[in-house]
PDB file of N, CA and C in Angstrom:
ATOM      1  N   MET A   1     -10.223   7.590 -11.810  1.00  0.00           N
ATOM      2  CA  MET A   1     -10.231   8.729 -12.698  1.00  0.00           C
ATOM      3  C   MET A   1      -9.158   9.747 -12.296  1.00  0.00           C
ATOM      4  N   ARG A   2      -9.088  10.069 -10.998  1.00  0.00           N
ATOM      5  CA  ARG A   2      -8.098  11.057 -10.550  1.00  0.00           C
ATOM      6  C   ARG A   2      -6.684  10.540 -10.763  1.00  0.00           C
ATOM      7  N   MET A   3      -6.499   9.254 -10.519  1.00  0.00           N
ATOM      8  CA  MET A   3      -5.171   8.686 -10.712  1.00  0.00           C
ATOM      9  C   MET A   3      -4.818   8.678 -12.196  1.00  0.00           C
ATOM     10  N   SER A   4      -5.770   8.370 -13.035  1.00  0.00           N
ATOM     11  CA  SER A   4      -5.522   8.380 -14.480  1.00  0.00           C
ATOM     12  C   SER A   4      -5.153   9.778 -14.957  1.00  0.00           C
ATOM     13  N   ALA A   5      -5.802  10.778 -14.396  1.00  0.00           N
ATOM     14  CA  ALA A   5      -5.488  12.159 -14.774  1.00  0.00           C
ATOM     15  C   ALA A   5      -4.054  12.506 -14.378  1.00  0.00           C
ATOM     16  N   ALA A   6      -3.661  12.117 -13.180  1.00  0.00           N
ATOM     17  CA  ALA A   6      -2.291  12.389 -12.736  1.00  0.00           C
ATOM     18  C   ALA A   6      -1.290  11.656 -13.617  1.00  0.00           C
ATOM     19  N   MET A   7      -1.611  10.440 -13.988  1.00  0.00           N
ATOM     20  CA  MET A   7      -0.712   9.672 -14.848  1.00  0.00           C
ATOM     21  C   MET A   7      -0.604  10.312 -16.231  1.00  0.00           C
ATOM     22  N   ALA A   8      -1.710  10.824 -16.733  1.00  0.00           N
ATOM     23  CA  ALA A   8      -1.679  11.491 -18.037  1.00  0.00           C
ATOM     24  C   ALA A   8      -0.804  12.740 -17.969  1.00  0.00           C
ATOM     25  N   LEU A   9      -0.943  13.498 -16.895  1.00  0.00           N
ATOM     26  CA  LEU A   9      -0.116  14.699 -16.739  1.00  0.00           C
ATOM     27  C   LEU A   9       1.356  14.330 -16.604  1.00  0.00           C
ATOM     28  N   GLU A  10       1.621  13.230 -15.934  1.00  0.00           N
ATOM     29  CA  GLU A  10       3.002  12.761 -15.808  1.00  0.00           C
ATOM     30  C   GLU A  10       3.609  12.508 -17.182  1.00  0.00           C
ATOM     31  N   SER A  11       2.833  11.909 -18.062  1.00  0.00           N
ATOM     32  CA  SER A  11       3.355  11.583 -19.391  1.00  0.00           C
ATOM     33  C   SER A  11       3.594  12.834 -20.235  1.00  0.00           C
ATOM     34  N   ILE A  12       2.923  13.914 -19.899  1.00  0.00           N
ATOM     35  CA  ILE A  12       3.112  15.168 -20.637  1.00  0.00           C
ATOM     36  C   ILE A  12       4.419  15.842 -20.233  1.00  0.00           C
ATOM     37  N   GLY A  13       4.801  15.678 -18.980  1.00  0.00           N
ATOM     38  CA  GLY A  13       6.066  16.244 -18.510  1.00  0.00           C
ATOM     39  C   GLY A  13       6.002  17.747 -18.309  1.00  0.00           C
ATOM     40  N   PRO A  14       7.066  18.459 -18.654  1.00  0.00           N
ATOM     41  CA  PRO A  14       7.140  19.900 -18.389  1.00  0.00           C
ATOM     42  C   PRO A  14       5.989  20.713 -18.981  1.00  0.00           C
ATOM     43  N   ASP A  15       5.426  20.250 -20.061  1.00  0.00           N
ATOM     44  CA  ASP A  15       4.309  20.982 -20.665  1.00  0.00           C
ATOM     45  C   ASP A  15       3.038  20.923 -19.818  1.00  0.00           C
ATOM     46  N   ALA A  16       3.046  20.108 -18.782  1.00  0.00           N
ATOM     47  CA  ALA A  16       1.889  20.019 -17.882  1.00  0.00           C
ATOM     48  C   ALA A  16       1.953  21.059 -16.765  1.00  0.00           C
ATOM     49  N   ALA A  17       2.892  21.976 -16.846  1.00  0.00           N
ATOM     50  CA  ALA A  17       3.054  22.995 -15.797  1.00  0.00           C
ATOM     51  C   ALA A  17       1.761  23.746 -15.467  1.00  0.00           C
ATOM     52  N   PRO A  18       0.876  24.008 -16.423  1.00  0.00           N
ATOM     53  CA  PRO A  18      -0.370  24.690 -16.056  1.00  0.00           C
ATOM     54  C   PRO A  18      -1.238  23.898 -15.058  1.00  0.00           C
ATOM     55  N   ALA A  19      -0.960  22.626 -14.898  1.00  0.00           N
ATOM     56  CA  ALA A  19      -1.752  21.791 -13.989  1.00  0.00           C
ATOM     57  C   ALA A  19      -1.143  21.675 -12.595  1.00  0.00           C
ATOM     58  N   VAL A  20      -0.105  22.439 -12.314  1.00  0.00           N
ATOM     59  CA  VAL A  20       0.581  22.310 -11.023  1.00  0.00           C
ATOM     60  C   VAL A  20      -0.385  22.500  -9.852  1.00  0.00           C
ATOM     61  N   LEU A  21      -1.215  23.510  -9.900  1.00  0.00           N
ATOM     62  CA  LEU A  21      -2.118  23.753  -8.766  1.00  0.00           C
ATOM     63  C   LEU A  21      -3.097  22.598  -8.568  1.00  0.00           C
ATOM     64  N   ALA A  22      -3.579  22.026  -9.647  1.00  0.00           N
ATOM     65  CA  ALA A  22      -4.474  20.868  -9.525  1.00  0.00           C
ATOM     66  C   ALA A  22      -3.730  19.682  -8.920  1.00  0.00           C
ATOM     67  N   LEU A  23      -2.485  19.503  -9.307  1.00  0.00           N
ATOM     68  CA  LEU A  23      -1.696  18.408  -8.752  1.00  0.00           C
ATOM     69  C   LEU A  23      -1.375  18.648  -7.278  1.00  0.00           C
ATOM     70  N   VAL A  24      -1.159  19.895  -6.916  1.00  0.00           N
ATOM     71  CA  VAL A  24      -0.945  20.213  -5.498  1.00  0.00           C
ATOM     72  C   VAL A  24      -2.197  19.843  -4.705  1.00  0.00           C
ATOM     73  N   ARG A  25      -3.352  20.157  -5.239  1.00  0.00           N
ATOM     74  CA  ARG A  25      -4.600  19.763  -4.558  1.00  0.00           C
ATOM     75  C   ARG A  25      -4.696  18.244  -4.459  1.00  0.00           C
ATOM     76  N   ALA A  26      -4.242  17.556  -5.492  1.00  0.00           N
ATOM     77  CA  ALA A  26      -4.302  16.093  -5.495  1.00  0.00           C
ATOM     78  C   ALA A  26      -3.379  15.486  -4.436  1.00  0.00           C
ATOM     79  N   LEU A  27      -2.393  16.234  -3.986  1.00  0.00           N
ATOM     80  CA  LEU A  27      -1.520  15.736  -2.921  1.00  0.00           C
ATOM     81  C   LEU A  27      -2.279  15.574  -1.600  1.00  0.00           C
ATOM     82  N   LYS A  28      -3.479  16.113  -1.531  1.00  0.00           N
ATOM     83  CA  LYS A  28      -4.309  15.980  -0.327  1.00  0.00           C
ATOM     84  C   LYS A  28      -5.492  15.038  -0.558  1.00  0.00           C
ATOM     85  N   ASP A  29      -5.480  14.335  -1.659  1.00  0.00           N
ATOM     86  CA  ASP A  29      -6.559  13.401  -1.981  1.00  0.00           C
ATOM     87  C   ASP A  29      -6.650  12.314  -0.909  1.00  0.00           C
ATOM     88  N   PRO A  30      -7.851  11.836  -0.615  1.00  0.00           N
ATOM     89  CA  PRO A  30      -7.979  10.763   0.381  1.00  0.00           C
ATOM     90  C   PRO A  30      -7.304   9.449  -0.044  1.00  0.00           C
ATOM     91  N   GLU A  31      -7.153   9.249  -1.334  1.00  0.00           N
ATOM     92  CA  GLU A  31      -6.524   8.021  -1.840  1.00  0.00           C
ATOM     93  C   GLU A  31      -5.004   8.185  -1.890  1.00  0.00           C
ATOM     94  N   GLY A  32      -4.308   7.330  -1.188  1.00  0.00           N
ATOM     95  CA  GLY A  32      -2.852   7.402  -1.154  1.00  0.00           C
ATOM     96  C   GLY A  32      -2.207   7.266  -2.520  1.00  0.00           C
ATOM     97  N   LEU A  33      -2.755   6.406  -3.359  1.00  0.00           N
ATOM     98  CA  LEU A  33      -2.158   6.218  -4.686  1.00  0.00           C
ATOM     99  C   LEU A  33      -2.344   7.447  -5.566  1.00  0.00           C
ATOM    100  N   VAL A  34      -3.432   8.164  -5.375  1.00  0.00           N
ATOM    101  CA  VAL A  34      -3.627   9.413  -6.125  1.00  0.00           C
ATOM    102  C   VAL A  34      -2.577  10.426  -5.681  1.00  0.00           C
ATOM    103  N   ARG A  35      -2.356  10.519  -4.374  1.00  0.00           N
ATOM    104  CA  ARG A  35      -1.332  11.442  -3.864  1.00  0.00           C
ATOM    105  C   ARG A  35       0.045  11.073  -4.418  1.00  0.00           C
ATOM    106  N   GLN A  36       0.316   9.787  -4.449  1.00  0.00           N
ATOM    107  CA  GLN A  36       1.602   9.313  -4.964  1.00  0.00           C
ATOM    108  C   GLN A  36       1.765   9.683  -6.442  1.00  0.00           C
ATOM    109  N   ARG A  37       0.745   9.438  -7.246  1.00  0.00           N
ATOM    110  CA  ARG A  37       0.830   9.749  -8.677  1.00  0.00           C
ATOM    111  C   ARG A  37       0.924  11.250  -8.905  1.00  0.00           C
ATOM    112  N   ALA A  38       0.262  12.034  -8.063  1.00  0.00           N
ATOM    113  CA  ALA A  38       0.363  13.489  -8.189  1.00  0.00           C
ATOM    114  C   ALA A  38       1.802  13.936  -7.942  1.00  0.00           C
ATOM    115  N   ALA A  39       2.439  13.352  -6.943  1.00  0.00           N
ATOM    116  CA  ALA A  39       3.836  13.695  -6.663  1.00  0.00           C
ATOM    117  C   ALA A  39       4.725  13.311  -7.840  1.00  0.00           C
ATOM    118  N   ILE A  40       4.489  12.154  -8.400  1.00  0.00           N
ATOM    119  CA  ILE A  40       5.282  11.716  -9.553  1.00  0.00           C
ATOM    120  C   ILE A  40       5.076  12.672 -10.728  1.00  0.00           C
ATOM    121  N   ALA A  41       3.832  13.067 -10.949  1.00  0.00           N
ATOM    122  CA  ALA A  41       3.537  13.996 -12.045  1.00  0.00           C
ATOM    123  C   ALA A  41       4.230  15.336 -11.822  1.00  0.00           C
ATOM    124  N   LEU A  42       4.225  15.814 -10.596  1.00  0.00           N
ATOM    125  CA  LEU A  42       4.912  17.076 -10.301  1.00  0.00           C
ATOM    126  C   LEU A  42       6.407  16.944 -10.576  1.00  0.00           C
ATOM    127  N   GLY A  43       6.969  15.823 -10.218  1.00  0.00           N
ATOM    128  CA  GLY A  43       8.381  15.598 -10.509  1.00  0.00           C
ATOM    129  C   GLY A  43       8.664  15.580 -11.998  1.00  0.00           C
ATOM    130  N   SER A  44       7.736  15.050 -12.765  1.00  0.00           N
ATOM    131  CA  SER A  44       7.949  14.996 -14.216  1.00  0.00           C
ATOM    132  C   SER A  44       7.890  16.388 -14.843  1.00  0.00           C
ATOM    133  N   ILE A  45       7.206  17.301 -14.185  1.00  0.00           N
ATOM    134  CA  ILE A  45       7.159  18.685 -14.678  1.00  0.00           C
ATOM    135  C   ILE A  45       8.505  19.365 -14.448  1.00  0.00           C
ATOM    136  N   GLY A  46       9.161  18.988 -13.372  1.00  0.00           N
ATOM    137  CA  GLY A  46      10.484  19.543 -13.093  1.00  0.00           C
ATOM    138  C   GLY A  46      10.415  20.948 -12.524  1.00  0.00           C
ATOM    139  N   PRO A  47      11.398  21.791 -12.858  1.00  0.00           N
ATOM    140  CA  PRO A  47      11.477  23.133 -12.278  1.00  0.00           C
ATOM    141  C   PRO A  47      10.226  23.984 -12.467  1.00  0.00           C
ATOM    142  N   GLY A  48       9.426  23.669 -13.441  1.00  0.00           N
ATOM    143  CA  GLY A  48       8.182  24.404 -13.649  1.00  0.00           C
ATOM    144  C   GLY A  48       7.157  24.171 -12.557  1.00  0.00           C
ATOM    145  N   ALA A  49       7.440  23.228 -11.673  1.00  0.00           N
ATOM    146  CA  ALA A  49       6.529  22.924 -10.564  1.00  0.00           C
ATOM    147  C   ALA A  49       7.073  23.439  -9.235  1.00  0.00           C
ATOM    148  N   ARG A  50       7.960  24.405  -9.300  1.00  0.00           N
ATOM    149  CA  ARG A  50       8.613  24.922  -8.087  1.00  0.00           C
ATOM    150  C   ARG A  50       7.611  25.352  -7.012  1.00  0.00           C
ATOM    151  N   GLU A  51       6.481  25.889  -7.424  1.00  0.00           N
ATOM    152  CA  GLU A  51       5.500  26.348  -6.433  1.00  0.00           C
ATOM    153  C   GLU A  51       4.888  25.191  -5.638  1.00  0.00           C
ATOM    154  N   ALA A  52       5.104  23.976  -6.084  1.00  0.00           N
ATOM    155  CA  ALA A  52       4.575  22.802  -5.384  1.00  0.00           C
ATOM    156  C   ALA A  52       5.503  22.314  -4.273  1.00  0.00           C
ATOM    157  N   LEU A  53       6.682  22.884  -4.155  1.00  0.00           N
ATOM    158  CA  LEU A  53       7.654  22.379  -3.179  1.00  0.00           C
ATOM    159  C   LEU A  53       7.127  22.334  -1.745  1.00  0.00           C
ATOM    160  N   PRO A  54       6.477  23.374  -1.241  1.00  0.00           N
ATOM    161  CA  PRO A  54       5.969  23.265   0.138  1.00  0.00           C
ATOM    162  C   PRO A  54       4.980  22.109   0.318  1.00  0.00           C
ATOM    163  N   ALA A  55       4.096  21.934  -0.636  1.00  0.00           N
ATOM    164  CA  ALA A  55       3.117  20.843  -0.543  1.00  0.00           C
ATOM    165  C   ALA A  55       3.798  19.486  -0.655  1.00  0.00           C
ATOM    166  N   LEU A  56       4.814  19.389  -1.485  1.00  0.00           N
ATOM    167  CA  LEU A  56       5.549  18.127  -1.607  1.00  0.00           C
ATOM    168  C   LEU A  56       6.309  17.812  -0.326  1.00  0.00           C
ATOM    169  N   ARG A  57       6.862  18.827   0.292  1.00  0.00           N
ATOM    170  CA  ARG A  57       7.562  18.592   1.567  1.00  0.00           C
ATOM    171  C   ARG A  57       6.588  18.075   2.622  1.00  0.00           C
ATOM    172  N   GLU A  58       5.405  18.651   2.633  1.00  0.00           N
ATOM    173  CA  GLU A  58       4.391  18.180   3.577  1.00  0.00           C
ATOM    174  C   GLU A  58       3.956  16.751   3.232  1.00  0.00           C
ATOM    175  N   ALA A  59       3.757  16.488   1.957  1.00  0.00           N
ATOM    176  CA  ALA A  59       3.324  15.156   1.525  1.00  0.00           C
ATOM    177  C   ALA A  59       4.385  14.102   1.813  1.00  0.00           C
ATOM    178  N   SER A  60       5.636  14.504   1.848  1.00  0.00           N
ATOM    179  CA  SER A  60       6.719  13.534   2.064  1.00  0.00           C
ATOM    180  C   SER A  60       6.718  12.968   3.482  1.00  0.00           C
ATOM    181  N   ARG A  61       5.870  13.489   4.327  1.00  0.00           N
ATOM    182  CA  ARG A  61       5.768  12.972   5.701  1.00  0.00           C
ATOM    183  C   ARG A  61       4.940  11.695   5.781  1.00  0.00           C
ATOM    184  N   VAL A  62       4.253  11.363   4.699  1.00  0.00           N
ATOM    185  CA  VAL A  62       3.378  10.187   4.674  1.00  0.00           C
ATOM    186  C   VAL A  62       4.099   9.054   3.947  1.00  0.00           C
ATOM    187  N   ASP A  63       4.131   7.891   4.580  1.00  0.00           N
ATOM    188  CA  ASP A  63       4.909   6.769   4.056  1.00  0.00           C
ATOM    189  C   ASP A  63       4.651   6.452   2.590  1.00  0.00           C
ATOM    190  N   ILE A  64       3.390   6.339   2.189  1.00  0.00           N
ATOM    191  CA  ILE A  64       3.102   5.911   0.821  1.00  0.00           C
ATOM    192  C   ILE A  64       3.553   6.950  -0.207  1.00  0.00           C
ATOM    193  N   VAL A  65       3.607   8.194   0.189  1.00  0.00           N
ATOM    194  CA  VAL A  65       3.948   9.269  -0.741  1.00  0.00           C
ATOM    195  C   VAL A  65       5.426   9.649  -0.657  1.00  0.00           C
ATOM    196  N   ARG A  66       6.058   9.325   0.448  1.00  0.00           N
ATOM    197  CA  ARG A  66       7.422   9.802   0.715  1.00  0.00           C
ATOM    198  C   ARG A  66       8.397   9.597  -0.446  1.00  0.00           C
ATOM    199  N   PRO A  67       8.572   8.389  -0.963  1.00  0.00           N
ATOM    200  CA  PRO A  67       9.574   8.228  -2.032  1.00  0.00           C
ATOM    201  C   PRO A  67       9.275   9.083  -3.264  1.00  0.00           C
ATOM    202  N   ALA A  68       8.019   9.118  -3.669  1.00  0.00           N
ATOM    203  CA  ALA A  68       7.657   9.905  -4.854  1.00  0.00           C
ATOM    204  C   ALA A  68       7.828  11.396  -4.592  1.00  0.00           C
ATOM    205  N   ALA A  69       7.438  11.837  -3.405  1.00  0.00           N
ATOM    206  CA  ALA A  69       7.557  13.261  -3.074  1.00  0.00           C
ATOM    207  C   ALA A  69       9.023  13.672  -2.986  1.00  0.00           C
ATOM    208  N   GLU A  70       9.838  12.847  -2.374  1.00  0.00           N
ATOM    209  CA  GLU A  70      11.261  13.180  -2.262  1.00  0.00           C
ATOM    210  C   GLU A  70      11.928  13.230  -3.633  1.00  0.00           C
ATOM    211  N   GLU A  71      11.575  12.291  -4.495  1.00  0.00           N
ATOM    212  CA  GLU A  71      12.143  12.310  -5.846  1.00  0.00           C
ATOM    213  C   GLU A  71      11.652  13.533  -6.619  1.00  0.00           C
ATOM    214  N   ALA A  72      10.381  13.866  -6.451  1.00  0.00           N
ATOM    215  CA  ALA A  72       9.838  15.044  -7.133  1.00  0.00           C
ATOM    216  C   ALA A  72      10.560  16.306  -6.678  1.00  0.00           C
ATOM    217  N   ILE A  73      10.804  16.415  -5.389  1.00  0.00           N
ATOM    218  CA  ILE A  73      11.521  17.583  -4.864  1.00  0.00           C
ATOM    219  C   ILE A  73      12.894  17.689  -5.522  1.00  0.00           C
ATOM    220  N   GLN A  74      13.582  16.576  -5.623  1.00  0.00           N
ATOM    221  CA  GLN A  74      14.909  16.587  -6.256  1.00  0.00           C
ATOM    222  C   GLN A  74      14.825  16.999  -7.722  1.00  0.00           C
ATOM    223  N   ARG A  75      13.838  16.475  -8.422  1.00  0.00           N
ATOM    224  CA  ARG A  75      13.709  16.794  -9.846  1.00  0.00           C
ATOM    225  C   ARG A  75      13.336  18.254 -10.062  1.00  0.00           C
ATOM    226  N   ILE A  76      12.511  18.782  -9.180  1.00  0.00           N
ATOM    227  CA  ILE A  76      12.096  20.181  -9.310  1.00  0.00           C
ATOM    228  C   ILE A  76      13.265  21.110  -9.003  1.00  0.00           C
ATOM    229  N   GLN A  77      14.079  20.733  -8.048  1.00  0.00           N
ATOM    230  CA  GLN A  77      15.203  21.580  -7.658  1.00  0.00           C
ATOM    231  C   GLN A  77      16.425  21.399  -8.553  1.00  0.00           C
ATOM    232  N   ALA A  78      16.402  20.436  -9.447  1.00  0.00           N
ATOM    233  CA  ALA A  78      17.541  20.193 -10.340  1.00  0.00           C
ATOM    234  C   ALA A  78      17.766  21.401 -11.241  1.00  0.00           C
ATOM    235  N   ARG A  79      18.990  21.632 -11.519  1.00  0.00           N
ATOM    236  CA  ARG A  79      19.319  22.769 -12.398  1.00  0.00           C
ATOM    237  C   ARG A  79      19.961  22.279 -13.657  1.00  0.00           C
TER     238      ARG A  79
END
């Protein structure tokens, strides 16, 4: 369910910005795949997810989340 929610938010893209805080919380989910999907969803939001950068940097320390978190950071910081 949590992963499906993150995937749904990912498909919404920038308009999912109101869910940034929920996605930041999901970056601490016990399930690695949920954390990964949350990072991907944050990246799909782009610059509107700027407040998630500290949490994404922390999440990027974990192997399963690292690629998604690093890509999300790049997408959020893109101008």
